[in-house]
Amino acid sequence: MQIDILGEGENLERLKKNVKKALEKLPYIDYKLSIIKNSATIDSYGIPRTPALVINGRVVYFGYVLNIKELKTLLHVEYYKSLKQKTDC
């Protein structure tokens, strides 16, 4: 699962920390984590505010820092969606 965190500054760091902590609680998820700070790349996603979380190329939320519990739920759901997509092919 490709996970991209978009943004800069304190909110980016807080979100990155929370994502890593949530992923520690979900050891079954195989992931690659990328941090994107380039404003042109961020603009290409069409989001009005950062930080943002992009999973497998799809913006799943933006605008504030999710807590660990919220991220854990979101990552779990997105993981199973990605598995379902693989089996539907």
N, C-alpha and C. Protein backbone atom coordinates (compact mmCIF):
# COMPACT_ATOMS: atom_id res chain seq x y z
N MET A 1 0.86 -1.16 0.00
CA MET A 1 0.00 0.00 0.00
C MET A 1 0.91 1.23 0.00
N GLN A 2 0.68 2.14 -0.92
CA GLN A 2 1.44 3.38 -1.00
C GLN A 2 0.73 4.45 -0.20
N ILE A 3 1.44 5.03 0.76
CA ILE A 3 0.89 6.08 1.61
C ILE A 3 1.74 7.33 1.42
N ASP A 4 1.10 8.40 0.99
CA ASP A 4 1.78 9.68 0.82
C ASP A 4 1.19 10.70 1.78
N ILE A 5 2.07 11.42 2.45
CA ILE A 5 1.65 12.51 3.33
C ILE A 5 2.10 13.80 2.67
N LEU A 6 1.16 14.70 2.44
CA LEU A 6 1.44 15.95 1.74
C LEU A 6 1.36 17.11 2.71
N GLY A 7 2.30 18.04 2.58
CA GLY A 7 2.26 19.24 3.40
C GLY A 7 3.63 19.70 3.81
N GLU A 8 3.66 20.52 4.85
CA GLU A 8 4.92 21.02 5.39
C GLU A 8 4.69 21.51 6.81
N GLY A 9 5.76 21.72 7.51
CA GLY A 9 5.68 22.31 8.84
C GLY A 9 5.21 21.37 9.93
N GLU A 10 4.72 21.98 10.99
CA GLU A 10 4.34 21.25 12.20
C GLU A 10 3.22 20.23 11.95
N ASN A 11 2.21 20.60 11.18
CA ASN A 11 1.11 19.67 10.93
C ASN A 11 1.57 18.44 10.15
N LEU A 12 2.49 18.64 9.20
CA LEU A 12 3.05 17.49 8.48
C LEU A 12 3.75 16.55 9.45
N GLU A 13 4.55 17.10 10.33
CA GLU A 13 5.30 16.27 11.28
C GLU A 13 4.36 15.54 12.25
N ARG A 14 3.31 16.22 12.69
CA ARG A 14 2.35 15.58 13.60
C ARG A 14 1.62 14.44 12.89
N LEU A 15 1.21 14.69 11.64
CA LEU A 15 0.51 13.64 10.89
C LEU A 15 1.44 12.46 10.62
N LYS A 16 2.66 12.73 10.24
CA LYS A 16 3.64 11.66 9.98
C LYS A 16 3.83 10.80 11.23
N LYS A 17 3.98 11.44 12.37
CA LYS A 17 4.14 10.73 13.64
C LYS A 17 2.92 9.86 13.93
N ASN A 18 1.72 10.41 13.75
CA ASN A 18 0.49 9.66 14.01
C ASN A 18 0.31 8.50 13.03
N VAL A 19 0.64 8.72 11.76
CA VAL A 19 0.55 7.64 10.78
C VAL A 19 1.47 6.50 11.16
N LYS A 20 2.69 6.81 11.51
CA LYS A 20 3.66 5.77 11.89
C LYS A 20 3.18 5.00 13.12
N LYS A 21 2.64 5.70 14.11
CA LYS A 21 2.13 5.03 15.31
C LYS A 21 0.93 4.15 14.97
N ALA A 22 0.04 4.61 14.10
CA ALA A 22 -1.11 3.80 13.70
C ALA A 22 -0.65 2.55 12.95
N LEU A 23 0.33 2.72 12.07
CA LEU A 23 0.83 1.57 11.30
C LEU A 23 1.52 0.53 12.19
N GLU A 24 2.13 0.98 13.28
CA GLU A 24 2.74 0.04 14.24
C GLU A 24 1.67 -0.88 14.82
N LYS A 25 0.45 -0.39 14.93
CA LYS A 25 -0.65 -1.18 15.49
C LYS A 25 -1.34 -2.05 14.44
N LEU A 26 -0.90 -1.93 13.18
CA LEU A 26 -1.47 -2.69 12.07
C LEU A 26 -0.34 -3.43 11.34
N PRO A 27 0.28 -4.40 12.01
CA PRO A 27 1.47 -5.04 11.44
C PRO A 27 1.22 -5.84 10.16
N TYR A 28 -0.01 -6.12 9.84
CA TYR A 28 -0.33 -6.88 8.64
C TYR A 28 -0.31 -6.02 7.37
N ILE A 29 -0.20 -4.72 7.53
CA ILE A 29 -0.19 -3.83 6.37
C ILE A 29 1.24 -3.67 5.86
N ASP A 30 1.45 -4.07 4.61
CA ASP A 30 2.72 -3.85 3.94
C ASP A 30 2.60 -2.49 3.23
N TYR A 31 3.47 -1.55 3.55
CA TYR A 31 3.30 -0.20 3.03
C TYR A 31 4.64 0.44 2.66
N LYS A 32 4.53 1.46 1.84
CA LYS A 32 5.64 2.35 1.54
C LYS A 32 5.15 3.75 1.86
N LEU A 33 5.89 4.46 2.70
CA LEU A 33 5.50 5.79 3.16
C LEU A 33 6.37 6.84 2.49
N SER A 34 5.73 7.85 1.89
CA SER A 34 6.46 8.95 1.27
C SER A 34 5.94 10.27 1.82
N ILE A 35 6.86 11.22 1.96
CA ILE A 35 6.52 12.56 2.40
C ILE A 35 6.68 13.49 1.19
N ILE A 36 5.64 14.24 0.89
CA ILE A 36 5.68 15.13 -0.27
C ILE A 36 5.52 16.56 0.21
N LYS A 37 6.58 17.36 -0.01
CA LYS A 37 6.57 18.76 0.40
C LYS A 37 6.55 19.71 -0.79
N ASN A 38 6.78 19.19 -1.98
CA ASN A 38 6.85 20.01 -3.19
C ASN A 38 5.48 20.61 -3.50
N SER A 39 5.40 21.94 -3.54
CA SER A 39 4.10 22.59 -3.71
C SER A 39 3.46 22.29 -5.06
N ALA A 40 4.25 22.12 -6.11
CA ALA A 40 3.68 21.80 -7.43
C ALA A 40 3.04 20.42 -7.41
N THR A 41 3.68 19.48 -6.75
CA THR A 41 3.13 18.13 -6.64
C THR A 41 1.87 18.14 -5.79
N ILE A 42 1.91 18.86 -4.70
CA ILE A 42 0.72 18.97 -3.83
C ILE A 42 -0.43 19.61 -4.60
N ASP A 43 -0.14 20.67 -5.34
CA ASP A 43 -1.18 21.35 -6.13
C ASP A 43 -1.81 20.42 -7.16
N SER A 44 -1.04 19.46 -7.67
CA SER A 44 -1.56 18.55 -8.69
C SER A 44 -2.68 17.65 -8.15
N TYR A 45 -2.76 17.52 -6.84
CA TYR A 45 -3.83 16.73 -6.22
C TYR A 45 -5.13 17.53 -6.08
N GLY A 46 -5.05 18.84 -6.23
CA GLY A 46 -6.25 19.67 -6.16
C GLY A 46 -6.83 19.85 -4.77
N ILE A 47 -6.01 19.71 -3.76
CA ILE A 47 -6.50 19.88 -2.39
C ILE A 47 -6.34 21.34 -1.95
N PRO A 48 -7.33 21.89 -1.26
CA PRO A 48 -7.25 23.29 -0.86
C PRO A 48 -6.36 23.54 0.36
N ARG A 49 -6.18 22.51 1.21
CA ARG A 49 -5.39 22.69 2.44
C ARG A 49 -4.61 21.43 2.75
N THR A 50 -3.49 21.62 3.42
CA THR A 50 -2.72 20.49 3.92
C THR A 50 -2.77 20.52 5.44
N PRO A 51 -2.41 19.45 6.09
CA PRO A 51 -1.83 18.24 5.55
C PRO A 51 -2.88 17.39 4.84
N ALA A 52 -2.39 16.46 4.03
CA ALA A 52 -3.29 15.55 3.34
C ALA A 52 -2.70 14.15 3.36
N LEU A 53 -3.58 13.18 3.26
CA LEU A 53 -3.17 11.79 3.22
C LEU A 53 -3.68 11.18 1.92
N VAL A 54 -2.76 10.60 1.17
CA VAL A 54 -3.07 9.97 -0.11
C VAL A 54 -2.70 8.50 0.01
N ILE A 55 -3.65 7.63 -0.32
CA ILE A 55 -3.40 6.19 -0.26
C ILE A 55 -3.66 5.61 -1.63
N ASN A 56 -2.64 4.94 -2.14
CA ASN A 56 -2.69 4.34 -3.47
C ASN A 56 -3.18 5.33 -4.53
N GLY A 57 -2.67 6.58 -4.42
CA GLY A 57 -2.97 7.59 -5.42
C GLY A 57 -4.28 8.34 -5.24
N ARG A 58 -5.01 8.03 -4.19
CA ARG A 58 -6.32 8.67 -3.95
C ARG A 58 -6.27 9.48 -2.66
N VAL A 59 -6.70 10.74 -2.74
CA VAL A 59 -6.76 11.59 -1.54
C VAL A 59 -7.86 11.04 -0.64
N VAL A 60 -7.50 10.65 0.58
CA VAL A 60 -8.51 10.10 1.49
C VAL A 60 -8.94 11.11 2.56
N TYR A 61 -8.16 12.16 2.75
CA TYR A 61 -8.58 13.25 3.63
C TYR A 61 -7.55 14.37 3.55
N PHE A 62 -7.97 15.54 3.95
CA PHE A 62 -7.05 16.68 3.98
C PHE A 62 -7.57 17.72 4.97
N GLY A 63 -6.68 18.63 5.37
CA GLY A 63 -7.09 19.80 6.12
C GLY A 63 -6.83 19.80 7.61
N TYR A 64 -6.60 18.65 8.21
CA TYR A 64 -6.30 18.62 9.64
C TYR A 64 -5.55 17.34 9.97
N VAL A 65 -5.03 17.27 11.17
CA VAL A 65 -4.25 16.11 11.61
C VAL A 65 -5.17 15.11 12.30
N LEU A 66 -5.32 13.96 11.68
CA LEU A 66 -6.11 12.88 12.30
C LEU A 66 -5.37 12.31 13.49
N ASN A 67 -6.12 11.86 14.51
CA ASN A 67 -5.47 11.21 15.64
C ASN A 67 -5.17 9.75 15.30
N ILE A 68 -4.46 9.08 16.16
CA ILE A 68 -4.01 7.70 15.89
C ILE A 68 -5.19 6.76 15.72
N LYS A 69 -6.20 6.90 16.54
CA LYS A 69 -7.38 6.02 16.44
C LYS A 69 -8.07 6.20 15.08
N GLU A 70 -8.26 7.45 14.66
CA GLU A 70 -8.88 7.72 13.36
C GLU A 70 -8.04 7.15 12.22
N LEU A 71 -6.73 7.34 12.32
CA LEU A 71 -5.84 6.83 11.28
C LEU A 71 -5.84 5.31 11.23
N LYS A 72 -5.86 4.69 12.38
CA LYS A 72 -5.87 3.23 12.43
C LYS A 72 -7.11 2.70 11.71
N THR A 73 -8.26 3.27 11.97
CA THR A 73 -9.49 2.86 11.30
C THR A 73 -9.41 3.11 9.80
N LEU A 74 -8.98 4.30 9.42
CA LEU A 74 -8.87 4.66 8.01
C LEU A 74 -7.90 3.74 7.27
N LEU A 75 -6.74 3.50 7.84
CA LEU A 75 -5.74 2.64 7.20
C LEU A 75 -6.24 1.20 7.08
N HIS A 76 -6.91 0.72 8.10
CA HIS A 76 -7.48 -0.63 8.07
C HIS A 76 -8.48 -0.77 6.93
N VAL A 77 -9.40 0.18 6.82
CA VAL A 77 -10.42 0.17 5.77
C VAL A 77 -9.76 0.25 4.38
N GLU A 78 -8.82 1.15 4.22
CA GLU A 78 -8.15 1.32 2.92
C GLU A 78 -7.35 0.07 2.55
N TYR A 79 -6.77 -0.57 3.53
CA TYR A 79 -6.03 -1.81 3.27
C TYR A 79 -6.97 -2.88 2.71
N TYR A 80 -8.10 -3.07 3.34
CA TYR A 80 -9.04 -4.09 2.87
C TYR A 80 -9.68 -3.72 1.54
N LYS A 81 -9.86 -2.42 1.28
CA LYS A 81 -10.33 -2.00 -0.04
C LYS A 81 -9.31 -2.39 -1.11
N SER A 82 -8.03 -2.18 -0.81
CA SER A 82 -6.99 -2.51 -1.79
C SER A 82 -6.92 -4.02 -2.03
N LEU A 83 -7.15 -4.81 -1.00
CA LEU A 83 -7.17 -6.27 -1.17
C LEU A 83 -8.35 -6.68 -2.05
N LYS A 84 -9.50 -6.07 -1.81
CA LYS A 84 -10.69 -6.39 -2.60
C LYS A 84 -10.48 -6.04 -4.07
N GLN A 85 -9.85 -4.89 -4.32
CA GLN A 85 -9.58 -4.50 -5.70
C GLN A 85 -8.66 -5.49 -6.39
N LYS A 86 -7.70 -6.03 -5.67
CA LYS A 86 -6.78 -7.00 -6.25
C LYS A 86 -7.51 -8.30 -6.62
N THR A 87 -8.46 -8.72 -5.78
CA THR A 87 -9.18 -9.97 -6.05
C THR A 87 -10.27 -9.80 -7.09
N ASP A 88 -10.74 -8.56 -7.29
CA ASP A 88 -11.79 -8.31 -8.30
C ASP A 88 -11.23 -8.30 -9.72
N CYS A 89 -9.93 -8.16 -9.85
CA CYS A 89 -9.32 -8.09 -11.20
C CYS A 89 -9.30 -9.42 -11.91
